[in-house]
Amino acid sequence: MGSKEDIHRWELVTLLDRLGASDDVDRAELALLDLETTASCADKKRAIGKITELGVKDAIAKLEALKIDPKFKCVQASAQAALDRLRKP
């Protein structure tokens, strides 16, 4: 499970959606922030999933670095799958 901050960040986005006030929320930036700040494999996988879902091409360099990071072998397949999808025309 993600850190409280990570979880609350997306709960706030959901709440803003319900209130019709989420137009100014940069979901891509939030997904990148999640990828950068999370430390566990599960949290990194969740962030990669969100990046893939949102089509955040700005994450390509970060995903490339993560793919070869020996600390995160657990997400290398997810990172590669995200890269494959993001690079599709």
PDB file of N, CA and C in Angstrom:
ATOM      1  N   MET A   1       0.844  -1.177   0.000  1.00  0.00           N
ATOM      2  CA  MET A   1       0.000   0.000   0.000  1.00  0.00           C
ATOM      3  C   MET A   1       0.885   1.233   0.000  1.00  0.00           C
ATOM      4  N   GLY A   2       0.433   2.304  -0.619  1.00  0.00           N
ATOM      5  CA  GLY A   2       1.204   3.530  -0.710  1.00  0.00           C
ATOM      6  C   GLY A   2       1.285   4.267   0.604  1.00  0.00           C
ATOM      7  N   SER A   3       2.163   5.238   0.626  1.00  0.00           N
ATOM      8  CA  SER A   3       2.265   6.069   1.814  1.00  0.00           C
ATOM      9  C   SER A   3       0.966   6.846   1.960  1.00  0.00           C
ATOM     10  N   LYS A   4       0.731   7.344   3.172  1.00  0.00           N
ATOM     11  CA  LYS A   4      -0.495   8.110   3.389  1.00  0.00           C
ATOM     12  C   LYS A   4      -0.566   9.301   2.451  1.00  0.00           C
ATOM     13  N   GLU A   5       0.564   9.958   2.240  1.00  0.00           N
ATOM     14  CA  GLU A   5       0.581  11.121   1.356  1.00  0.00           C
ATOM     15  C   GLU A   5       0.183  10.734  -0.064  1.00  0.00           C
ATOM     16  N   ASP A   6       0.733   9.637  -0.571  1.00  0.00           N
ATOM     17  CA  ASP A   6       0.417   9.203  -1.930  1.00  0.00           C
ATOM     18  C   ASP A   6      -1.055   8.857  -2.065  1.00  0.00           C
ATOM     19  N   ILE A   7      -1.579   8.133  -1.101  1.00  0.00           N
ATOM     20  CA  ILE A   7      -2.975   7.724  -1.138  1.00  0.00           C
ATOM     21  C   ILE A   7      -3.883   8.941  -1.049  1.00  0.00           C
ATOM     22  N   HIS A   8      -3.575   9.842  -0.132  1.00  0.00           N
ATOM     23  CA  HIS A   8      -4.408  11.034   0.040  1.00  0.00           C
ATOM     24  C   HIS A   8      -4.360  11.932  -1.184  1.00  0.00           C
ATOM     25  N   ARG A   9      -3.230  11.969  -1.843  1.00  0.00           N
ATOM     26  CA  ARG A   9      -3.093  12.787  -3.048  1.00  0.00           C
ATOM     27  C   ARG A   9      -4.151  12.370  -4.076  1.00  0.00           C
ATOM     28  N   TRP A  10      -4.276  11.071  -4.317  1.00  0.00           N
ATOM     29  CA  TRP A  10      -5.242  10.600  -5.319  1.00  0.00           C
ATOM     30  C   TRP A  10      -6.666  10.636  -4.797  1.00  0.00           C
ATOM     31  N   GLU A  11      -6.863  10.486  -3.487  1.00  0.00           N
ATOM     32  CA  GLU A  11      -8.203  10.640  -2.912  1.00  0.00           C
ATOM     33  C   GLU A  11      -8.693  12.073  -3.094  1.00  0.00           C
ATOM     34  N   LEU A  12      -7.793  13.032  -2.941  1.00  0.00           N
ATOM     35  CA  LEU A  12      -8.165  14.433  -3.152  1.00  0.00           C
ATOM     36  C   LEU A  12      -8.552  14.693  -4.600  1.00  0.00           C
ATOM     37  N   VAL A  13      -7.854  14.070  -5.526  1.00  0.00           N
ATOM     38  CA  VAL A  13      -8.200  14.219  -6.944  1.00  0.00           C
ATOM     39  C   VAL A  13      -9.596  13.656  -7.188  1.00  0.00           C
ATOM     40  N   THR A  14      -9.882  12.501  -6.614  1.00  0.00           N
ATOM     41  CA  THR A  14     -11.206  11.895  -6.758  1.00  0.00           C
ATOM     42  C   THR A  14     -12.282  12.811  -6.178  1.00  0.00           C
ATOM     43  N   LEU A  15     -12.008  13.371  -5.028  1.00  0.00           N
ATOM     44  CA  LEU A  15     -12.967  14.297  -4.398  1.00  0.00           C
ATOM     45  C   LEU A  15     -13.173  15.533  -5.275  1.00  0.00           C
ATOM     46  N   LEU A  16     -12.095  16.076  -5.794  1.00  0.00           N
ATOM     47  CA  LEU A  16     -12.217  17.235  -6.685  1.00  0.00           C
ATOM     48  C   LEU A  16     -13.011  16.886  -7.934  1.00  0.00           C
ATOM     49  N   ASP A  17     -12.835  15.665  -8.453  1.00  0.00           N
ATOM     50  CA  ASP A  17     -13.634  15.205  -9.600  1.00  0.00           C
ATOM     51  C   ASP A  17     -15.115  15.241  -9.261  1.00  0.00           C
ATOM     52  N   ARG A  18     -15.439  14.698  -8.101  1.00  0.00           N
ATOM     53  CA  ARG A  18     -16.851  14.657  -7.679  1.00  0.00           C
ATOM     54  C   ARG A  18     -17.439  16.044  -7.514  1.00  0.00           C
ATOM     55  N   LEU A  19     -16.604  16.992  -7.107  1.00  0.00           N
ATOM     56  CA  LEU A  19     -17.068  18.368  -6.910  1.00  0.00           C
ATOM     57  C   LEU A  19     -17.041  19.173  -8.209  1.00  0.00           C
ATOM     58  N   GLY A  20     -16.523  18.564  -9.258  1.00  0.00           N
ATOM     59  CA  GLY A  20     -16.429  19.251 -10.534  1.00  0.00           C
ATOM     60  C   GLY A  20     -15.352  20.327 -10.536  1.00  0.00           C
ATOM     61  N   ALA A  21     -14.353  20.163  -9.683  1.00  0.00           N
ATOM     62  CA  ALA A  21     -13.325  21.200  -9.531  1.00  0.00           C
ATOM     63  C   ALA A  21     -11.926  20.677  -9.825  1.00  0.00           C
ATOM     64  N   SER A  22     -11.819  19.679 -10.673  1.00  0.00           N
ATOM     65  CA  SER A  22     -10.503  19.068 -10.885  1.00  0.00           C
ATOM     66  C   SER A  22      -9.840  19.483 -12.200  1.00  0.00           C
ATOM     67  N   ASP A  23     -10.383  20.473 -12.866  1.00  0.00           N
ATOM     68  CA  ASP A  23      -9.833  20.872 -14.163  1.00  0.00           C
ATOM     69  C   ASP A  23      -8.376  21.316 -14.083  1.00  0.00           C
ATOM     70  N   ASP A  24      -7.972  21.895 -12.977  1.00  0.00           N
ATOM     71  CA  ASP A  24      -6.609  22.409 -12.845  1.00  0.00           C
ATOM     72  C   ASP A  24      -5.625  21.381 -12.297  1.00  0.00           C
ATOM     73  N   VAL A  25      -6.087  20.179 -12.024  1.00  0.00           N
ATOM     74  CA  VAL A  25      -5.212  19.144 -11.478  1.00  0.00           C
ATOM     75  C   VAL A  25      -4.409  18.517 -12.608  1.00  0.00           C
ATOM     76  N   ASP A  26      -3.108  18.532 -12.469  1.00  0.00           N
ATOM     77  CA  ASP A  26      -2.225  17.930 -13.471  1.00  0.00           C
ATOM     78  C   ASP A  26      -1.952  16.490 -13.053  1.00  0.00           C
ATOM     79  N   ARG A  27      -2.776  15.583 -13.542  1.00  0.00           N
ATOM     80  CA  ARG A  27      -2.664  14.175 -13.161  1.00  0.00           C
ATOM     81  C   ARG A  27      -1.330  13.562 -13.608  1.00  0.00           C
ATOM     82  N   ALA A  28      -0.844  13.997 -14.752  1.00  0.00           N
ATOM     83  CA  ALA A  28       0.440  13.497 -15.233  1.00  0.00           C
ATOM     84  C   ALA A  28       1.547  13.877 -14.256  1.00  0.00           C
ATOM     85  N   GLU A  29       1.525  15.093 -13.774  1.00  0.00           N
ATOM     86  CA  GLU A  29       2.533  15.543 -12.812  1.00  0.00           C
ATOM     87  C   GLU A  29       2.420  14.759 -11.505  1.00  0.00           C
ATOM     88  N   LEU A  30       1.207  14.469 -11.078  1.00  0.00           N
ATOM     89  CA  LEU A  30       1.017  13.660  -9.857  1.00  0.00           C
ATOM     90  C   LEU A  30       1.565  12.250 -10.045  1.00  0.00           C
ATOM     91  N   ALA A  31       1.331  11.678 -11.209  1.00  0.00           N
ATOM     92  CA  ALA A  31       1.833  10.330 -11.470  1.00  0.00           C
ATOM     93  C   ALA A  31       3.363  10.314 -11.478  1.00  0.00           C
ATOM     94  N   LEU A  32       3.968  11.335 -12.075  1.00  0.00           N
ATOM     95  CA  LEU A  32       5.425  11.442 -12.065  1.00  0.00           C
ATOM     96  C   LEU A  32       5.949  11.617 -10.645  1.00  0.00           C
ATOM     97  N   LEU A  33       5.263  12.428  -9.869  1.00  0.00           N
ATOM     98  CA  LEU A  33       5.652  12.632  -8.475  1.00  0.00           C
ATOM     99  C   LEU A  33       5.594  11.317  -7.703  1.00  0.00           C
ATOM    100  N   ASP A  34       4.551  10.536  -7.933  1.00  0.00           N
ATOM    101  CA  ASP A  34       4.443   9.222  -7.294  1.00  0.00           C
ATOM    102  C   ASP A  34       5.635   8.339  -7.664  1.00  0.00           C
ATOM    103  N   LEU A  35       5.973   8.306  -8.948  1.00  0.00           N
ATOM    104  CA  LEU A  35       7.076   7.466  -9.393  1.00  0.00           C
ATOM    105  C   LEU A  35       8.387   7.884  -8.728  1.00  0.00           C
ATOM    106  N   GLU A  36       8.592   9.181  -8.602  1.00  0.00           N
ATOM    107  CA  GLU A  36       9.833   9.703  -8.032  1.00  0.00           C
ATOM    108  C   GLU A  36       9.926   9.515  -6.521  1.00  0.00           C
ATOM    109  N   THR A  37       8.802   9.600  -5.829  1.00  0.00           N
ATOM    110  CA  THR A  37       8.857   9.652  -4.361  1.00  0.00           C
ATOM    111  C   THR A  37       8.563   8.340  -3.660  1.00  0.00           C
ATOM    112  N   THR A  38       7.997   7.381  -4.361  1.00  0.00           N
ATOM    113  CA  THR A  38       7.668   6.121  -3.699  1.00  0.00           C
ATOM    114  C   THR A  38       8.897   5.238  -3.602  1.00  0.00           C
ATOM    115  N   ALA A  39       8.891   4.375  -2.587  1.00  0.00           N
ATOM    116  CA  ALA A  39      10.084   3.555  -2.337  1.00  0.00           C
ATOM    117  C   ALA A  39       9.828   2.055  -2.443  1.00  0.00           C
ATOM    118  N   SER A  40       8.588   1.641  -2.358  1.00  0.00           N
ATOM    119  CA  SER A  40       8.317   0.203  -2.392  1.00  0.00           C
ATOM    120  C   SER A  40       7.971  -0.245  -3.807  1.00  0.00           C
ATOM    121  N   CYS A  41       8.140  -1.516  -4.052  1.00  0.00           N
ATOM    122  CA  CYS A  41       7.811  -2.080  -5.367  1.00  0.00           C
ATOM    123  C   CYS A  41       6.327  -1.912  -5.687  1.00  0.00           C
ATOM    124  N   ALA A  42       5.489  -2.170  -4.729  1.00  0.00           N
ATOM    125  CA  ALA A  42       4.045  -2.048  -4.962  1.00  0.00           C
ATOM    126  C   ALA A  42       3.672  -0.618  -5.332  1.00  0.00           C
ATOM    127  N   ASP A  43       4.271   0.346  -4.639  1.00  0.00           N
ATOM    128  CA  ASP A  43       3.966   1.748  -4.929  1.00  0.00           C
ATOM    129  C   ASP A  43       4.512   2.164  -6.291  1.00  0.00           C
ATOM    130  N   LYS A  44       5.704   1.689  -6.623  1.00  0.00           N
ATOM    131  CA  LYS A  44       6.281   1.992  -7.942  1.00  0.00           C
ATOM    132  C   LYS A  44       5.398   1.395  -9.042  1.00  0.00           C
ATOM    133  N   LYS A  45       4.918   0.160  -8.835  1.00  0.00           N
ATOM    134  CA  LYS A  45       4.049  -0.480  -9.835  1.00  0.00           C
ATOM    135  C   LYS A  45       2.754   0.307 -10.000  1.00  0.00           C
ATOM    136  N   ARG A  46       2.207   0.782  -8.902  1.00  0.00           N
ATOM    137  CA  ARG A  46       0.984   1.592  -8.970  1.00  0.00           C
ATOM    138  C   ARG A  46       1.246   2.867  -9.761  1.00  0.00           C
ATOM    139  N   ALA A  47       2.373   3.513  -9.494  1.00  0.00           N
ATOM    140  CA  ALA A  47       2.722   4.740 -10.211  1.00  0.00           C
ATOM    141  C   ALA A  47       2.931   4.467 -11.703  1.00  0.00           C
ATOM    142  N   ILE A  48       3.594   3.371 -12.006  1.00  0.00           N
ATOM    143  CA  ILE A  48       3.808   2.990 -13.415  1.00  0.00           C
ATOM    144  C   ILE A  48       2.466   2.740 -14.097  1.00  0.00           C
ATOM    145  N   GLY A  49       1.557   2.090 -13.395  1.00  0.00           N
ATOM    146  CA  GLY A  49       0.222   1.857 -13.944  1.00  0.00           C
ATOM    147  C   GLY A  49      -0.507   3.153 -14.241  1.00  0.00           C
ATOM    148  N   LYS A  50      -0.395   4.105 -13.338  1.00  0.00           N
ATOM    149  CA  LYS A  50      -1.052   5.402 -13.515  1.00  0.00           C
ATOM    150  C   LYS A  50      -0.423   6.150 -14.691  1.00  0.00           C
ATOM    151  N   ILE A  51       0.896   6.092 -14.802  1.00  0.00           N
ATOM    152  CA  ILE A  51       1.603   6.729 -15.908  1.00  0.00           C
ATOM    153  C   ILE A  51       1.160   6.121 -17.236  1.00  0.00           C
ATOM    154  N   THR A  52       1.052   4.809 -17.266  1.00  0.00           N
ATOM    155  CA  THR A  52       0.618   4.123 -18.482  1.00  0.00           C
ATOM    156  C   THR A  52      -0.820   4.505 -18.824  1.00  0.00           C
ATOM    157  N   GLU A  53      -1.678   4.474 -17.827  1.00  0.00           N
ATOM    158  CA  GLU A  53      -3.092   4.822 -18.014  1.00  0.00           C
ATOM    159  C   GLU A  53      -3.243   6.238 -18.579  1.00  0.00           C
ATOM    160  N   LEU A  54      -2.445   7.162 -18.062  1.00  0.00           N
ATOM    161  CA  LEU A  54      -2.540   8.558 -18.477  1.00  0.00           C
ATOM    162  C   LEU A  54      -1.728   8.868 -19.737  1.00  0.00           C
ATOM    163  N   GLY A  55      -0.874   7.934 -20.146  1.00  0.00           N
ATOM    164  CA  GLY A  55      -0.051   8.149 -21.333  1.00  0.00           C
ATOM    165  C   GLY A  55       0.993   9.237 -21.148  1.00  0.00           C
ATOM    166  N   VAL A  56       1.665   9.239 -20.007  1.00  0.00           N
ATOM    167  CA  VAL A  56       2.626  10.290 -19.653  1.00  0.00           C
ATOM    168  C   VAL A  56       3.972  10.031 -20.331  1.00  0.00           C
ATOM    169  N   LYS A  57       4.131  10.592 -21.509  1.00  0.00           N
ATOM    170  CA  LYS A  57       5.372  10.388 -22.261  1.00  0.00           C
ATOM    171  C   LYS A  57       6.573  11.051 -21.581  1.00  0.00           C
ATOM    172  N   ASP A  58       6.331  12.047 -20.743  1.00  0.00           N
ATOM    173  CA  ASP A  58       7.424  12.688 -20.001  1.00  0.00           C
ATOM    174  C   ASP A  58       8.084  11.720 -19.020  1.00  0.00           C
ATOM    175  N   ALA A  59       7.479  10.588 -18.793  1.00  0.00           N
ATOM    176  CA  ALA A  59       8.023   9.610 -17.848  1.00  0.00           C
ATOM    177  C   ALA A  59       9.008   8.646 -18.505  1.00  0.00           C
ATOM    178  N   ILE A  60       9.182   8.721 -19.802  1.00  0.00           N
ATOM    179  CA  ILE A  60      10.007   7.733 -20.511  1.00  0.00           C
ATOM    180  C   ILE A  60      11.419   7.661 -19.939  1.00  0.00           C
ATOM    181  N   ALA A  61      12.068   8.793 -19.734  1.00  0.00           N
ATOM    182  CA  ALA A  61      13.446   8.777 -19.208  1.00  0.00           C
ATOM    183  C   ALA A  61      13.487   8.175 -17.801  1.00  0.00           C
ATOM    184  N   LYS A  62      12.515   8.504 -16.976  1.00  0.00           N
ATOM    185  CA  LYS A  62      12.468   7.962 -15.616  1.00  0.00           C
ATOM    186  C   LYS A  62      12.216   6.452 -15.633  1.00  0.00           C
ATOM    187  N   LEU A  63      11.371   6.006 -16.542  1.00  0.00           N
ATOM    188  CA  LEU A  63      11.102   4.572 -16.662  1.00  0.00           C
ATOM    189  C   LEU A  63      12.325   3.823 -17.175  1.00  0.00           C
ATOM    190  N   GLU A  64      13.057   4.438 -18.096  1.00  0.00           N
ATOM    191  CA  GLU A  64      14.292   3.823 -18.593  1.00  0.00           C
ATOM    192  C   GLU A  64      15.287   3.643 -17.450  1.00  0.00           C
ATOM    193  N   ALA A  65      15.427   4.673 -16.618  1.00  0.00           N
ATOM    194  CA  ALA A  65      16.349   4.596 -15.482  1.00  0.00           C
ATOM    195  C   ALA A  65      15.887   3.550 -14.473  1.00  0.00           C
ATOM    196  N   LEU A  66      14.593   3.495 -14.235  1.00  0.00           N
ATOM    197  CA  LEU A  66      14.045   2.530 -13.285  1.00  0.00           C
ATOM    198  C   LEU A  66      14.242   1.102 -13.783  1.00  0.00           C
ATOM    199  N   LYS A  67      14.139   0.933 -15.082  1.00  0.00           N
ATOM    200  CA  LYS A  67      14.260  -0.390 -15.695  1.00  0.00           C
ATOM    201  C   LYS A  67      15.628  -1.026 -15.437  1.00  0.00           C
ATOM    202  N   ILE A  68      16.649  -0.206 -15.270  1.00  0.00           N
ATOM    203  CA  ILE A  68      17.990  -0.741 -15.032  1.00  0.00           C
ATOM    204  C   ILE A  68      18.469  -0.551 -13.590  1.00  0.00           C
ATOM    205  N   ASP A  69      17.608  -0.033 -12.734  1.00  0.00           N
ATOM    206  CA  ASP A  69      17.968   0.188 -11.328  1.00  0.00           C
ATOM    207  C   ASP A  69      17.942  -1.152 -10.591  1.00  0.00           C
ATOM    208  N   PRO A  70      19.093  -1.605 -10.083  1.00  0.00           N
ATOM    209  CA  PRO A  70      19.131  -2.913  -9.414  1.00  0.00           C
ATOM    210  C   PRO A  70      18.280  -2.977  -8.135  1.00  0.00           C
ATOM    211  N   LYS A  71      17.957  -1.827  -7.561  1.00  0.00           N
ATOM    212  CA  LYS A  71      17.114  -1.817  -6.351  1.00  0.00           C
ATOM    213  C   LYS A  71      15.664  -2.141  -6.676  1.00  0.00           C
ATOM    214  N   PHE A  72      15.294  -1.979  -7.935  1.00  0.00           N
ATOM    215  CA  PHE A  72      13.891  -2.164  -8.299  1.00  0.00           C
ATOM    216  C   PHE A  72      13.712  -3.192  -9.413  1.00  0.00           C
ATOM    217  N   LYS A  73      14.389  -4.323  -9.278  1.00  0.00           N
ATOM    218  CA  LYS A  73      14.207  -5.407 -10.248  1.00  0.00           C
ATOM    219  C   LYS A  73      12.755  -5.847 -10.302  1.00  0.00           C
ATOM    220  N   CYS A  74      12.068  -5.662  -9.188  1.00  0.00           N
ATOM    221  CA  CYS A  74      10.670  -6.086  -9.065  1.00  0.00           C
ATOM    222  C   CYS A  74       9.727  -5.318  -9.995  1.00  0.00           C
ATOM    223  N   VAL A  75      10.144  -4.192 -10.531  1.00  0.00           N
ATOM    224  CA  VAL A  75       9.271  -3.423 -11.422  1.00  0.00           C
ATOM    225  C   VAL A  75       9.824  -3.306 -12.843  1.00  0.00           C
ATOM    226  N   GLN A  76      10.906  -3.990 -13.116  1.00  0.00           N
ATOM    227  CA  GLN A  76      11.519  -3.855 -14.436  1.00  0.00           C
ATOM    228  C   GLN A  76      10.589  -4.296 -15.562  1.00  0.00           C
ATOM    229  N   ALA A  77       9.861  -5.365 -15.361  1.00  0.00           N
ATOM    230  CA  ALA A  77       8.920  -5.822 -16.398  1.00  0.00           C
ATOM    231  C   ALA A  77       7.795  -4.799 -16.581  1.00  0.00           C
ATOM    232  N   SER A  78       7.295  -4.254 -15.481  1.00  0.00           N
ATOM    233  CA  SER A  78       6.242  -3.231 -15.561  1.00  0.00           C
ATOM    234  C   SER A  78       6.752  -1.982 -16.256  1.00  0.00           C
ATOM    235  N   ALA A  79       7.980  -1.593 -15.941  1.00  0.00           N
ATOM    236  CA  ALA A  79       8.575  -0.415 -16.575  1.00  0.00           C
ATOM    237  C   ALA A  79       8.722  -0.644 -18.075  1.00  0.00           C
ATOM    238  N   GLN A  80       9.163  -1.831 -18.473  1.00  0.00           N
ATOM    239  CA  GLN A  80       9.315  -2.129 -19.900  1.00  0.00           C
ATOM    240  C   GLN A  80       7.969  -2.135 -20.602  1.00  0.00           C
ATOM    241  N   ALA A  81       6.964  -2.719 -19.981  1.00  0.00           N
ATOM    242  CA  ALA A  81       5.626  -2.740 -20.578  1.00  0.00           C
ATOM    243  C   ALA A  81       5.091  -1.323 -20.748  1.00  0.00           C
ATOM    244  N   ALA A  82       5.322  -0.467 -19.754  1.00  0.00           N
ATOM    245  CA  ALA A  82       4.887   0.931 -19.844  1.00  0.00           C
ATOM    246  C   ALA A  82       5.633   1.639 -20.973  1.00  0.00           C
ATOM    247  N   LEU A  83       6.930   1.408 -21.058  1.00  0.00           N
ATOM    248  CA  LEU A  83       7.713   2.023 -22.137  1.00  0.00           C
ATOM    249  C   LEU A  83       7.187   1.590 -23.507  1.00  0.00           C
ATOM    250  N   ASP A  84       6.900   0.311 -23.653  1.00  0.00           N
ATOM    251  CA  ASP A  84       6.370  -0.193 -24.925  1.00  0.00           C
ATOM    252  C   ASP A  84       5.069   0.512 -25.304  1.00  0.00           C
ATOM    253  N   ARG A  85       4.188   0.687 -24.319  1.00  0.00           N
ATOM    254  CA  ARG A  85       2.905   1.341 -24.601  1.00  0.00           C
ATOM    255  C   ARG A  85       3.078   2.819 -24.883  1.00  0.00           C
ATOM    256  N   LEU A  86       3.947   3.474 -24.120  1.00  0.00           N
ATOM    257  CA  LEU A  86       4.139   4.915 -24.300  1.00  0.00           C
ATOM    258  C   LEU A  86       4.804   5.245 -25.636  1.00  0.00           C
ATOM    259  N   ARG A  87       5.589   4.323 -26.141  1.00  0.00           N
ATOM    260  CA  ARG A  87       6.300   4.560 -27.400  1.00  0.00           C
ATOM    261  C   ARG A  87       5.479   4.212 -28.630  1.00  0.00           C
ATOM    262  N   LYS A  88       4.350   3.576 -28.440  1.00  0.00           N
ATOM    263  CA  LYS A  88       3.501   3.250 -29.582  1.00  0.00           C
ATOM    264  C   LYS A  88       2.931   4.539 -30.161  1.00  0.00           C
ATOM    265  N   PRO A  89       2.928   4.626 -31.494  1.00  0.00           N
ATOM    266  CA  PRO A  89       2.387   5.851 -32.135  1.00  0.00           C
ATOM    267  C   PRO A  89       0.896   5.959 -31.996  1.00  0.00           C
TER     268      PRO A  89
END
